[in-house]
Amino acid sequence: MKFNYIAQFYCEDDGYWVKFSDIDGCYLQGNTIDEAAANAQEALQGHLEVLLKLGKKFIPPTHMNKINMEGISFASYVSCDVDLVNIKKVKKTLIIPAQQNDRAMELNINSSQIL
């Protein structure tokens, strides 16, 4: 699954450091802008994979026009693909109301796949 989050890039004398406005604890650096951008993608992917494996929720990305740009050199969307197939799964039995099941069947919706 593809995710896009805004990375905030800060320019310093010896390179760049980057943080994600919507993901706490995901920080990185790079000596060049290309290195910082590549590291941002790798850090974002790793961070999201860990959150998913731990079953933690994360907030959807903020729209670019809502980012406070004060002190930021620039901001850019960073994309990554997270492999949801290899995330550990646990089988659970679930009971749902009969009406909900009937409606799902009418609409040709597979409740198990949705869950």
Protein backbone atom coordinates (compact mmCIF):
# COMPACT_ATOMS: atom_id res chain seq x y z
CA MET A 1 0.00 0.00 0.00
CA LYS A 2 1.33 3.44 -0.90
CA PHE A 3 1.63 6.15 1.74
CA ASN A 4 2.48 9.84 1.24
CA TYR A 5 3.57 12.02 4.14
CA ILE A 6 5.03 15.51 4.31
CA ALA A 7 8.70 15.70 5.25
CA GLN A 8 10.02 18.96 6.66
CA PHE A 9 13.61 19.60 5.56
CA TYR A 10 15.92 21.82 7.60
CA CYS A 11 19.17 23.02 6.05
CA GLU A 12 22.23 23.25 8.29
CA ASP A 13 25.90 23.92 7.63
CA ASP A 14 26.83 20.25 7.35
CA GLY A 15 23.73 18.92 5.58
CA TYR A 16 20.03 18.43 6.20
CA TRP A 17 17.87 17.01 8.91
CA VAL A 18 14.31 15.94 8.31
CA LYS A 19 11.20 15.22 10.34
CA PHE A 20 7.67 14.20 9.41
CA SER A 21 4.95 16.54 10.63
CA ASP A 22 2.47 13.71 11.28
CA ILE A 23 4.75 10.94 12.53
CA ASP A 24 6.24 11.37 15.98
CA GLY A 25 9.76 10.08 16.44
CA CYS A 26 10.67 9.74 12.77
CA TYR A 27 13.77 11.89 12.26
CA LEU A 28 16.72 11.52 9.93
CA GLN A 29 19.57 13.38 8.31
CA GLY A 30 21.62 13.47 5.15
CA ASN A 31 24.78 15.19 3.97
CA THR A 32 23.16 16.17 0.66
CA ILE A 33 19.58 16.83 -0.40
CA ASP A 34 19.57 13.59 -2.42
CA GLU A 35 20.81 11.59 0.56
CA ALA A 36 18.28 13.23 2.89
CA ALA A 37 15.43 12.51 0.46
CA ALA A 38 16.46 8.85 0.08
CA ASN A 39 16.85 8.49 3.84
CA ALA A 40 13.42 10.09 4.33
CA GLN A 41 11.76 7.48 2.15
CA GLU A 42 13.55 4.62 3.92
CA ALA A 43 12.79 6.03 7.38
CA LEU A 44 9.12 6.58 6.54
CA GLN A 45 8.70 3.05 5.24
CA GLY A 46 10.44 1.47 8.22
CA HIS A 47 8.53 3.56 10.72
CA LEU A 48 5.13 2.76 9.18
CA GLU A 49 5.94 -0.96 8.96
CA VAL A 50 6.82 -1.04 12.65
CA LEU A 51 3.62 0.80 13.59
CA LEU A 52 1.54 -1.63 11.53
CA LYS A 53 3.29 -4.69 12.98
CA LEU A 54 2.64 -3.38 16.49
CA GLY A 55 -1.01 -2.80 15.60
CA LYS A 56 -0.72 0.92 16.28
CA LYS A 57 -2.73 3.49 14.40
CA PHE A 58 -1.24 6.49 12.71
CA ILE A 59 -2.94 9.64 11.60
CA PRO A 60 -3.53 10.45 7.95
CA PRO A 61 -1.16 12.99 6.45
CA THR A 62 -1.86 16.68 6.85
CA HIS A 63 -2.45 18.62 3.65
CA MET A 64 0.56 20.64 2.53
CA ASN A 65 -1.21 23.99 2.89
CA LYS A 66 -1.79 23.31 6.60
CA ILE A 67 1.91 22.88 7.42
CA ASN A 68 3.50 25.65 9.48
CA MET A 69 6.55 26.57 7.38
CA GLU A 70 8.21 28.76 10.02
CA GLY A 71 11.87 27.77 10.34
CA ILE A 72 11.60 25.07 7.67
CA SER A 73 13.87 25.28 4.62
CA PHE A 74 11.27 23.44 2.56
CA ALA A 75 8.67 20.68 2.75
CA SER A 76 8.01 17.86 0.32
CA TYR A 77 5.80 14.82 0.06
CA VAL A 78 7.66 11.55 0.56
CA SER A 79 6.11 8.33 -0.74
CA CYS A 80 6.73 4.75 0.24
CA ASP A 81 5.17 1.34 -0.29
CA VAL A 82 4.42 -0.76 2.76
CA ASP A 83 4.02 -4.48 2.23
CA LEU A 84 0.77 -5.26 4.02
CA VAL A 85 0.89 -8.89 2.86
CA ASN A 86 3.80 -9.83 5.11
CA ILE A 87 2.43 -8.10 8.20
CA LYS A 88 1.74 -10.78 10.81
CA LYS A 89 -1.92 -11.71 10.92
CA VAL A 90 -3.93 -13.46 13.61
CA LYS A 91 -7.13 -15.39 12.93
CA LYS A 92 -10.13 -14.21 14.93
CA THR A 93 -13.74 -15.35 14.98
CA LEU A 94 -16.19 -12.50 14.85
CA ILE A 95 -19.93 -12.27 15.37
CA ILE A 96 -21.83 -9.53 13.57
CA PRO A 97 -25.55 -8.68 13.60
CA ALA A 98 -27.62 -10.73 11.14
CA GLN A 99 -28.99 -7.58 9.49
CA GLN A 100 -25.49 -6.33 8.82
CA ASN A 101 -24.55 -9.68 7.32
CA ASP A 102 -27.70 -9.74 5.15
CA ARG A 103 -27.01 -6.22 3.88
CA ALA A 104 -23.39 -7.07 3.13
CA MET A 105 -24.50 -10.13 1.16
CA GLU A 106 -27.03 -8.03 -0.79
CA LEU A 107 -24.24 -5.66 -1.76
CA ASN A 108 -21.89 -8.55 -2.55
CA ILE A 109 -19.47 -7.47 0.17
CA ASN A 110 -17.18 -10.02 1.78
CA SER A 111 -17.07 -9.03 5.46
CA SER A 112 -14.07 -11.25 6.17
CA GLN A 113 -11.96 -9.54 3.53
CA ILE A 114 -12.93 -6.12 4.83
CA LEU A 115 -11.93 -7.04 8.35
